[in-house]
């Protein structure tokens, strides 16, 4: 059990480069199973969830070599679709192995995946997509997916624009016979990054970045080399931490980020703005002493930030945005549509002194600004854990955050990176 010990009140200042996108890295790692040729991934985030995925693949016979933030993966030695159930319970991303394994083998036994407890996370969309391609699903006691012949391309309408379902079905469809048209596909930046890798391997995917993907099946895929784009969730978390503490920040290496406009629009509602500099807008510069004034809607109505499918404000940034709102002048409603348990962490913020009214499991009203005080906290999941770190950084006094290893699942050495910006944060291990 890891703990973070944080002394609040230090303004964060400095320059930092966000690591690769966690939500792109997991499916891109899984995609190595689609070929017996090497796949090279640059800018791989060295976070716990990625390491678990690499361990699962290694246990299946995948050759895994990691040097710095570059991984070379070769699945030539994989002979069957056996998965370790205990390892799969440790990471939600293990579900992403189903699509490529189904494309490669006729039978896949998928143990129930793990992940954050933030509400029901249904797998129906994945399975309906596999069924449309010709597979049969048996959900008892584990998820067993079988096919008697090669998968067949199909026209399908996803019942929800699920990111992982889109990725899973695309990875199965690239080796199917014929054409697949997928309506209501997720189009988040990490889905686009995966599709670019698959095309580099020899797949034929059209409509990348839209909610209609057309996949022309091919007979085989080959080697590829690609960089994982920067993690805009980490970028948003770092911006929130700097703004909440009254600091200033420069984010380097953001040229390939497709999330800039979405993030700028959402953070501007909280009075936080930054500029893009450099020939490729690859430097995001957050000036000091942000206004932190919540922008009212026309007619002086209470403003609202609500998440949704891309390009709406990302659900994974709702927790840090709520903390940021506690330090802004004005009132704002947050509407979390995606997960019914994501908002429960606000009880910890209320203990710290935040003025928050939880209307129901999906909505909270933040009345800012509030002076927060340090206290003993527990990280319930990756994003809420990072939000509590930010709250502790701008609070008076010292905070201790238990269960900090949850944060490691999505943020690489976050205490080291925050210390480089002037934070007083230390780790201890029980």
Protein backbone atom coordinates (compact mmCIF):
# COMPACT_ATOMS: atom_id res chain seq x y z
CA UNK A 1 0.00 0.00 0.00
CA UNK A 2 1.48 3.32 -1.10
CA UNK A 3 0.86 6.73 0.48
CA UNK A 4 1.47 10.25 -0.71
CA UNK A 5 2.40 12.88 1.88
CA UNK A 6 1.71 16.36 0.54
CA UNK A 7 2.44 19.75 2.07
CA UNK A 8 0.08 22.20 0.41
CA UNK A 9 0.48 25.85 -0.45
CA UNK A 10 3.31 25.62 -3.01
CA UNK A 11 2.67 27.19 -6.41
CA UNK A 12 3.72 24.83 -9.21
CA UNK A 13 6.07 26.32 -11.77
CA UNK A 14 8.18 24.89 -14.54
CA UNK A 15 8.30 23.00 -17.82
CA UNK A 16 7.25 19.39 -18.30
CA UNK A 17 6.49 16.96 -21.13
CA UNK A 18 3.40 14.75 -20.70
CA UNK A 19 3.94 11.03 -21.25
CA UNK A 20 2.11 8.93 -23.84
CA UNK A 21 -1.66 8.55 -23.71
CA UNK A 22 -2.65 5.65 -21.41
CA UNK A 23 -5.91 5.11 -23.28
CA UNK A 24 -4.04 4.84 -26.58
CA UNK A 25 -1.19 2.71 -25.24
CA UNK A 26 -3.38 -0.16 -23.97
CA UNK A 27 -5.13 -0.97 -27.29
CA UNK A 28 -1.94 -0.32 -29.28
CA UNK A 29 -0.09 -2.82 -27.11
CA UNK A 30 -2.91 -5.33 -27.65
CA UNK A 31 -2.73 -4.81 -31.42
CA UNK A 32 0.63 -6.61 -31.56
CA UNK A 33 -1.37 -9.87 -31.41
CA UNK A 34 -2.66 -9.22 -34.93
CA UNK A 35 0.69 -10.02 -36.57
CA UNK A 36 3.76 -12.20 -36.18
CA UNK A 37 5.94 -9.22 -37.12
CA UNK A 38 7.48 -6.73 -34.65
CA UNK A 39 5.56 -3.66 -33.52
CA UNK A 40 7.57 -0.73 -32.15
CA UNK A 41 5.78 1.79 -29.93
CA UNK A 42 7.52 5.02 -28.95
CA UNK A 43 6.44 7.30 -26.08
CA UNK A 44 5.01 4.36 -24.14
CA UNK A 45 3.84 5.51 -20.67
CA UNK A 46 5.55 3.49 -17.93
CA UNK A 47 2.45 3.21 -15.79
CA UNK A 48 1.11 0.25 -13.85
CA UNK A 49 -1.76 -0.61 -16.23
CA UNK A 50 0.60 -0.76 -19.19
CA UNK A 51 3.02 -2.97 -17.25
CA UNK A 52 0.20 -5.38 -16.37
CA UNK A 53 -0.79 -5.58 -20.05
CA UNK A 54 2.82 -6.28 -21.03
CA UNK A 55 3.01 -8.99 -18.36
CA UNK A 56 -0.16 -10.62 -19.71
CA UNK A 57 1.23 -10.59 -23.25
CA UNK A 58 4.59 -11.91 -22.12
CA UNK A 59 2.83 -14.78 -20.33
CA UNK A 60 1.11 -15.66 -23.61
CA UNK A 61 4.40 -15.90 -25.47
CA UNK A 62 4.79 -12.37 -26.83
CA UNK A 63 8.39 -11.18 -26.98
CA UNK A 64 8.47 -7.93 -25.00
CA UNK A 65 11.44 -5.56 -24.94
CA UNK A 66 11.23 -2.14 -23.28
CA UNK A 67 14.05 0.40 -23.46
CA UNK A 68 13.21 3.75 -21.95
CA UNK A 69 9.78 4.70 -23.32
CA UNK A 70 10.07 2.48 -26.41
CA UNK A 71 8.62 -1.03 -26.54
CA UNK A 72 9.24 -3.67 -29.20
CA UNK A 73 6.58 -6.39 -29.25
CA UNK A 74 6.49 -9.54 -31.36
CA UNK A 75 3.65 -12.06 -31.06
CA UNK A 76 5.16 -14.71 -33.35
CA UNK A 77 5.45 -17.11 -30.40
CA UNK A 78 1.78 -16.97 -29.35
CA UNK A 79 0.22 -20.39 -29.93
CA UNK A 80 -3.18 -20.08 -28.25
CA UNK A 81 -5.56 -17.58 -26.66
CA UNK A 82 -4.98 -18.54 -23.03
CA UNK A 83 -5.23 -15.58 -20.63
CA UNK A 84 -4.27 -15.42 -16.95
CA UNK A 85 -7.45 -14.60 -15.05
CA UNK A 86 -5.69 -13.01 -12.05
CA UNK A 87 -3.70 -10.63 -14.26
CA UNK A 88 -6.82 -9.71 -16.26
CA UNK A 89 -8.58 -8.73 -13.02
CA UNK A 90 -5.89 -6.11 -12.43
CA UNK A 91 -6.58 -3.99 -15.51
CA UNK A 92 -9.70 -2.94 -17.41
CA UNK A 93 -7.68 -2.88 -20.65
CA UNK A 94 -7.42 -6.67 -20.67
CA UNK A 95 -10.79 -6.70 -22.45
CA UNK A 96 -8.98 -5.22 -25.46
CA UNK A 97 -7.23 -8.54 -26.02
CA UNK A 98 -10.52 -10.14 -27.14
CA UNK A 99 -10.68 -8.50 -30.58
CA UNK A 100 -7.17 -9.30 -31.81
CA UNK A 101 -7.27 -12.81 -30.30
CA UNK A 102 -10.60 -13.52 -32.00
CA UNK A 103 -9.12 -12.42 -35.32
CA UNK A 104 -6.19 -14.79 -34.79
CA UNK A 105 -7.78 -17.81 -33.08
CA UNK A 106 -11.15 -19.56 -33.32
CA UNK A 107 -11.80 -19.56 -29.56
CA UNK A 108 -11.12 -16.95 -26.89
CA UNK A 109 -11.86 -17.35 -23.18
CA UNK A 110 -11.91 -13.85 -21.71
CA UNK A 111 -11.76 -13.53 -17.91
CA UNK A 112 -13.81 -10.64 -16.50
CA UNK A 113 -11.64 -7.49 -16.66
CA UNK A 114 -10.77 -5.33 -13.67
CA UNK A 115 -10.47 -1.56 -13.54
CA UNK A 116 -11.81 1.37 -11.55
CA UNK A 117 -15.05 1.00 -9.60
CA UNK A 118 -16.84 4.03 -11.02
CA UNK A 119 -20.13 2.39 -11.96
CA UNK A 120 -21.37 -0.29 -14.31
CA UNK A 121 -19.12 -0.72 -17.34
CA UNK A 122 -21.05 -2.98 -19.70
CA UNK A 123 -19.42 -5.20 -22.31
CA UNK A 124 -22.55 -5.78 -24.38
CA UNK A 125 -21.42 -3.47 -27.19
CA UNK A 126 -18.20 -5.45 -27.62
CA UNK A 127 -20.07 -8.75 -27.84
CA UNK A 128 -22.81 -7.48 -30.18
CA UNK A 129 -20.05 -6.27 -32.52
CA UNK A 130 -18.29 -9.64 -32.45
CA UNK A 131 -21.63 -11.38 -33.13
CA UNK A 132 -22.19 -9.14 -36.14
CA UNK A 133 -18.83 -10.34 -37.49
CA UNK A 134 -19.90 -13.97 -37.11
CA UNK A 135 -18.77 -14.92 -33.61
CA UNK A 136 -20.77 -16.74 -30.93
CA UNK A 137 -20.75 -15.58 -27.29
CA UNK A 138 -21.18 -17.71 -24.19
CA UNK A 139 -21.17 -15.50 -21.07
CA UNK A 140 -21.21 -18.24 -18.41
CA UNK A 141 -19.16 -18.52 -16.30
CA UNK A 142 -16.44 -16.60 -18.18
CA UNK A 143 -16.83 -14.88 -21.55
CA UNK A 144 -16.15 -17.46 -24.26
CA UNK A 145 -16.05 -16.14 -27.82
CA UNK A 146 -15.87 -18.58 -30.72
CA UNK A 147 -15.99 -18.58 -34.50
CA UNK A 148 -16.26 -21.56 -36.82
CA UNK A 149 -14.82 -19.79 -39.86
CA UNK A 150 -13.12 -16.54 -40.76
CA UNK A 151 -14.87 -13.45 -39.45
CA UNK A 152 -17.07 -11.73 -42.03
CA UNK A 153 -17.36 -7.98 -42.55
CA UNK A 154 -20.73 -6.52 -41.61
CA UNK A 155 -22.73 -3.32 -41.31
CA UNK A 156 -23.36 -2.48 -37.66
CA UNK A 157 -24.70 0.30 -35.47
CA UNK A 158 -23.10 0.37 -32.03
CA UNK A 159 -25.68 0.78 -29.27
CA UNK A 160 -23.30 3.19 -27.53
CA UNK A 161 -20.23 5.06 -28.75
CA UNK A 162 -17.96 3.02 -26.49
CA UNK A 163 -14.24 3.68 -26.87
CA UNK A 164 -13.05 0.20 -25.92
CA UNK A 165 -15.83 -1.52 -27.89
CA UNK A 166 -14.93 0.49 -31.00
CA UNK A 167 -11.26 -0.42 -30.57
CA UNK A 168 -12.00 -4.09 -29.92
CA UNK A 169 -14.33 -4.49 -32.89
CA UNK A 170 -11.98 -2.61 -35.23
CA UNK A 171 -9.10 -4.91 -34.26
CA UNK A 172 -11.26 -7.94 -35.03
CA UNK A 173 -12.63 -6.48 -38.28
CA UNK A 174 -9.27 -5.58 -39.88
CA UNK A 175 -8.64 -9.29 -40.57
CA UNK A 176 -12.26 -10.14 -41.42
CA UNK A 177 -13.30 -11.04 -44.95
CA UNK A 178 -15.02 -8.18 -46.74
CA UNK A 179 -16.04 -4.70 -45.62
CA UNK A 180 -17.24 -3.58 -42.20
CA UNK A 181 -19.14 -0.34 -41.71
CA UNK A 182 -19.39 0.77 -38.10
CA UNK A 183 -21.89 3.52 -37.29
CA UNK A 184 -21.81 5.41 -33.97
CA UNK A 185 -18.13 4.58 -33.58
CA UNK A 186 -16.16 6.38 -30.87
CA UNK A 187 -13.75 8.92 -32.37
CA UNK A 188 -11.62 10.00 -29.38
CA UNK A 189 -7.96 10.84 -30.10
CA UNK A 190 -6.82 7.48 -28.70
CA UNK A 191 -9.16 5.62 -31.06
CA UNK A 192 -7.63 7.60 -33.93
CA UNK A 193 -4.11 6.77 -32.76
CA UNK A 194 -4.94 3.04 -32.71
CA UNK A 195 -6.42 3.19 -36.22
CA UNK A 196 -3.28 4.93 -37.46
CA UNK A 197 -1.17 2.10 -36.05
CA UNK A 198 -3.41 -0.52 -37.68
CA UNK A 199 -3.15 1.26 -41.04
CA UNK A 200 0.63 1.40 -40.63
CA UNK A 201 0.49 -2.39 -40.15
CA UNK A 202 -1.36 -2.75 -43.46
CA UNK A 203 -5.01 -2.40 -42.44
CA UNK A 204 -7.41 -0.35 -44.57
CA UNK A 205 -9.49 1.83 -42.27
CA UNK A 206 -11.35 4.88 -43.57
CA UNK A 207 -13.21 7.61 -41.69
CA UNK A 208 -10.67 7.94 -38.87
CA UNK A 209 -11.77 10.76 -36.58
CA UNK A 210 -15.46 10.40 -37.50
CA UNK A 211 -18.27 8.28 -36.07
CA UNK A 212 -18.50 6.15 -39.23
CA UNK A 213 -15.57 3.79 -39.74
CA UNK A 214 -15.20 1.70 -42.87
CA UNK A 215 -12.83 -1.24 -42.50
CA UNK A 216 -11.76 -3.18 -45.57
CA UNK A 217 -10.58 -6.56 -44.34
CA UNK A 218 -7.11 -7.76 -45.32
CA UNK A 219 -5.51 -11.19 -45.21
CA UNK A 220 -2.60 -10.30 -42.93
CA UNK A 221 -0.85 -7.46 -41.15
CA UNK A 222 2.86 -6.72 -40.80
CA UNK A 223 5.43 -4.74 -38.86
CA UNK A 224 4.94 -1.09 -37.91
CA UNK A 225 6.53 1.69 -35.88
CA UNK A 226 4.61 4.61 -34.39
CA UNK A 227 4.61 7.12 -31.53
CA UNK A 228 1.83 7.22 -28.96
CA UNK A 229 0.44 10.73 -28.78
CA UNK A 230 0.75 12.78 -25.59
CA UNK A 231 -1.72 12.06 -22.79
CA UNK A 232 -4.17 14.95 -22.69
CA UNK A 233 -5.58 13.59 -19.40
CA UNK A 234 -2.19 14.09 -17.78
CA UNK A 235 -1.83 17.46 -19.52
CA UNK A 236 -5.20 18.58 -18.16
CA UNK A 237 -4.32 17.33 -14.68
CA UNK A 238 -1.03 19.25 -14.67
CA UNK A 239 -2.73 22.42 -15.93
CA UNK A 240 -5.35 22.10 -13.19
CA UNK A 241 -2.67 21.58 -10.53
CA UNK A 242 -0.69 24.63 -11.66
CA UNK A 243 -3.77 26.86 -11.95
CA UNK A 244 -5.23 25.74 -8.59
CA UNK A 245 -1.97 26.58 -6.81
CA UNK A 246 -1.57 29.94 -8.56
CA UNK A 247 1.46 28.77 -10.53
CA UNK A 248 2.58 28.80 -14.15
CA UNK A 249 3.35 25.93 -16.49
CA UNK A 250 4.78 25.09 -19.89
CA UNK A 251 3.81 21.78 -21.49
CA UNK A 252 6.23 20.61 -24.17
CA UNK A 253 5.73 18.09 -26.96
CA UNK A 254 2.01 18.73 -27.49
CA UNK A 255 2.11 19.13 -31.29
CA UNK A 256 0.33 15.86 -31.97
CA UNK A 257 -2.44 16.42 -29.42
CA UNK A 258 -5.93 16.45 -30.92
CA UNK A 259 -7.50 17.54 -27.64
CA UNK A 260 -6.45 21.19 -27.47
CA UNK A 261 -9.75 22.83 -28.47
CA UNK A 262 -11.87 20.55 -26.29
CA UNK A 263 -9.69 21.18 -23.25
CA UNK A 264 -9.36 24.92 -23.81
CA UNK A 265 -13.14 25.27 -24.13
CA UNK A 266 -13.81 23.34 -20.91
CA UNK A 267 -11.11 24.98 -18.79
CA UNK A 268 -12.11 28.46 -20.01
CA UNK A 269 -15.46 27.99 -18.24
CA UNK A 270 -13.44 27.92 -15.00
CA UNK A 271 -11.42 31.02 -15.88
CA UNK A 272 -8.27 29.12 -16.86
CA UNK A 273 -6.69 29.91 -20.21
CA UNK A 274 -3.39 29.11 -21.89
CA UNK A 275 -1.67 29.92 -25.16
CA UNK A 276 -0.15 27.64 -27.78
CA UNK A 277 3.31 28.60 -28.97
CA UNK A 278 5.91 27.18 -31.31
CA UNK A 279 5.85 26.47 -35.03
CA UNK A 280 3.50 23.52 -34.50
CA UNK A 281 1.65 24.86 -31.46
CA UNK A 282 3.62 22.25 -29.53
CA UNK A 283 4.11 24.37 -26.38
CA UNK A 284 1.09 25.02 -24.16
CA UNK A 285 1.86 27.99 -21.91
CA UNK A 286 -0.21 28.62 -18.79
CA UNK A 287 0.50 32.14 -17.45
CA UNK A 288 0.58 32.76 -13.68
CA UNK A 289 -2.20 34.32 -11.62
CA UNK A 290 -5.15 33.08 -13.64
CA UNK A 291 -8.41 34.97 -13.19
CA UNK A 292 -10.20 31.81 -12.00
CA UNK A 293 -13.59 33.43 -12.58
CA UNK A 294 -16.35 31.05 -13.65
CA UNK A 295 -18.07 32.28 -16.81
CA UNK A 296 -21.81 32.60 -16.39
CA UNK A 297 -24.19 31.58 -19.14
CA UNK A 298 -26.11 34.31 -20.96
CA UNK A 299 -28.88 35.72 -18.79
CA UNK A 300 -26.70 35.10 -15.72
CA UNK A 301 -27.79 31.47 -15.57
CA UNK A 302 -25.69 28.99 -13.60
CA UNK A 303 -23.15 27.47 -16.01
CA UNK A 304 -22.66 23.74 -16.46
CA UNK A 305 -19.85 21.41 -17.48
CA UNK A 306 -21.07 18.02 -18.68
CA UNK A 307 -19.13 15.14 -20.11
CA UNK A 308 -20.04 12.99 -23.07
CA UNK A 309 -18.72 11.30 -26.16
CA UNK A 310 -16.00 13.07 -28.11
CA UNK A 311 -15.70 16.01 -28.59
CA UNK A 312 -17.59 16.72 -25.37
CA UNK A 313 -15.61 17.35 -22.20
CA UNK A 314 -13.89 14.06 -21.26
CA UNK A 315 -15.27 12.09 -18.33
CA UNK A 316 -11.73 11.35 -17.15
CA UNK A 317 -11.14 15.09 -16.57
CA UNK A 318 -14.33 15.72 -14.56
CA UNK A 319 -12.72 14.93 -11.20
CA UNK A 320 -9.80 17.34 -11.62
CA UNK A 321 -12.12 20.02 -13.04
CA UNK A 322 -14.30 19.78 -9.91
CA UNK A 323 -11.26 20.42 -7.71
CA UNK A 324 -10.24 23.33 -9.92
CA UNK A 325 -13.76 24.80 -9.57
CA UNK A 326 -13.40 24.84 -5.77
CA UNK A 327 -10.67 27.46 -6.26
CA UNK A 328 -12.58 29.59 -8.78
CA UNK A 329 -14.93 32.49 -8.12
CA UNK A 330 -18.54 31.57 -8.84
CA UNK A 331 -20.95 28.66 -8.94
CA UNK A 332 -21.02 25.85 -11.51
CA UNK A 333 -22.88 22.57 -12.00
CA UNK A 334 -21.03 19.41 -13.07
CA UNK A 335 -23.08 16.75 -14.82
CA UNK A 336 -21.35 13.34 -15.04
CA UNK A 337 -23.34 11.31 -17.56
CA UNK A 338 -21.02 8.38 -18.13
CA UNK A 339 -20.51 6.70 -14.73
CA UNK A 340 -22.85 6.70 -11.75
CA UNK A 341 -20.14 6.35 -9.08
CA UNK A 342 -17.54 8.81 -10.32
CA UNK A 343 -18.83 11.73 -8.21
CA UNK A 344 -18.67 10.00 -4.84
CA UNK A 345 -15.14 11.22 -4.16
CA UNK A 346 -16.50 14.76 -3.53
CA UNK A 347 -17.20 13.70 0.07
CA UNK A 348 -13.44 13.90 0.63
CA UNK A 349 -13.37 17.43 -0.82
CA UNK A 350 -16.21 18.47 1.48
CA UNK A 351 -14.16 17.17 4.43
CA UNK A 352 -11.35 19.45 3.26
CA UNK A 353 -13.69 22.47 3.31
CA UNK A 354 -15.03 22.60 -0.23
CA UNK A 355 -18.52 24.04 -0.66
CA UNK A 356 -20.11 21.32 -2.78
CA UNK A 357 -23.71 20.12 -2.97
CA UNK A 358 -24.17 16.62 -4.39
CA UNK A 359 -27.55 16.72 -6.09
CA UNK A 360 -27.61 13.04 -7.11
CA UNK A 361 -25.07 10.41 -8.23
CA UNK A 362 -24.52 12.28 -11.50
CA UNK A 363 -24.57 15.97 -10.54
CA UNK A 364 -22.72 18.21 -8.11
CA UNK A 365 -22.86 21.97 -7.62
CA UNK A 366 -19.58 23.65 -6.69
CA UNK A 367 -19.75 27.01 -4.90
CA UNK A 368 -16.36 28.64 -5.08
CA UNK A 369 -13.90 29.63 -3.98
CA UNK A 370 -13.20 27.49 -0.90
CA UNK A 371 -10.17 27.39 1.34
CA UNK A 372 -9.18 23.75 1.64
CA UNK A 373 -7.43 22.18 4.62
CA UNK A 374 -5.19 19.14 4.53
CA UNK A 375 -6.48 15.85 5.91
CA UNK A 376 -6.28 12.06 5.56
CA UNK A 377 -7.63 10.93 2.20
CA UNK A 378 -7.97 7.68 0.24
CA UNK A 379 -7.68 7.35 -3.52
CA UNK A 380 -10.75 5.47 -4.85
CA UNK A 381 -9.66 5.32 -8.51
CA UNK A 382 -7.12 6.77 -10.93
CA UNK A 383 -8.79 10.08 -11.81
CA UNK A 384 -10.33 10.81 -8.40
CA UNK A 385 -6.95 9.99 -6.88
CA UNK A 386 -5.23 12.58 -9.05
CA UNK A 387 -7.97 15.09 -8.19
CA UNK A 388 -7.26 14.55 -4.48
CA UNK A 389 -3.56 15.14 -5.13
CA UNK A 390 -4.44 18.50 -6.70
CA UNK A 391 -6.73 19.34 -3.78
CA UNK A 392 -3.91 18.54 -1.35
CA UNK A 393 -1.45 20.68 -3.33
CA UNK A 394 -3.62 23.78 -2.96
CA UNK A 395 -4.79 23.06 0.62
CA UNK A 396 -3.43 24.54 3.84
CA UNK A 397 -1.35 22.09 5.82
CA UNK A 398 -0.41 18.49 5.18
CA UNK A 399 -2.46 15.74 3.56
CA UNK A 400 -1.85 12.01 3.39
CA UNK A 401 -3.39 10.05 0.51
CA UNK A 402 -3.76 6.32 1.09
CA UNK A 403 -4.10 3.77 -1.71
CA UNK A 404 -1.84 5.92 -3.87
CA UNK A 405 -0.88 2.93 -6.03
CA UNK A 406 -4.24 3.45 -7.76
CA UNK A 407 -2.86 6.72 -9.15
CA UNK A 408 0.21 4.85 -10.46
CA UNK A 409 -2.10 2.97 -12.81
CA UNK A 410 -2.59 6.11 -14.90
CA UNK A 411 0.21 8.54 -14.01
CA UNK A 412 3.91 7.80 -14.39
CA UNK A 413 5.98 8.64 -11.30
CA UNK A 414 3.63 11.52 -10.61
CA UNK A 415 5.27 12.45 -7.31
CA UNK A 416 8.68 12.80 -9.03
CA UNK A 417 7.20 14.87 -11.85
CA UNK A 418 5.30 17.14 -9.46
CA UNK A 419 8.42 17.66 -7.33
CA UNK A 420 10.18 18.88 -10.49
CA UNK A 421 7.54 21.64 -10.57
CA UNK A 422 8.07 22.62 -6.93
CA UNK A 423 5.49 20.45 -5.17
CA UNK A 424 6.23 19.13 -1.69
CA UNK A 425 5.16 15.52 -2.14
CA UNK A 426 6.74 12.30 -0.89
CA UNK A 427 5.86 8.64 -1.22
CA UNK A 428 5.95 5.98 1.46
CA UNK A 429 5.19 2.26 1.23
CA UNK A 430 3.55 0.09 3.90
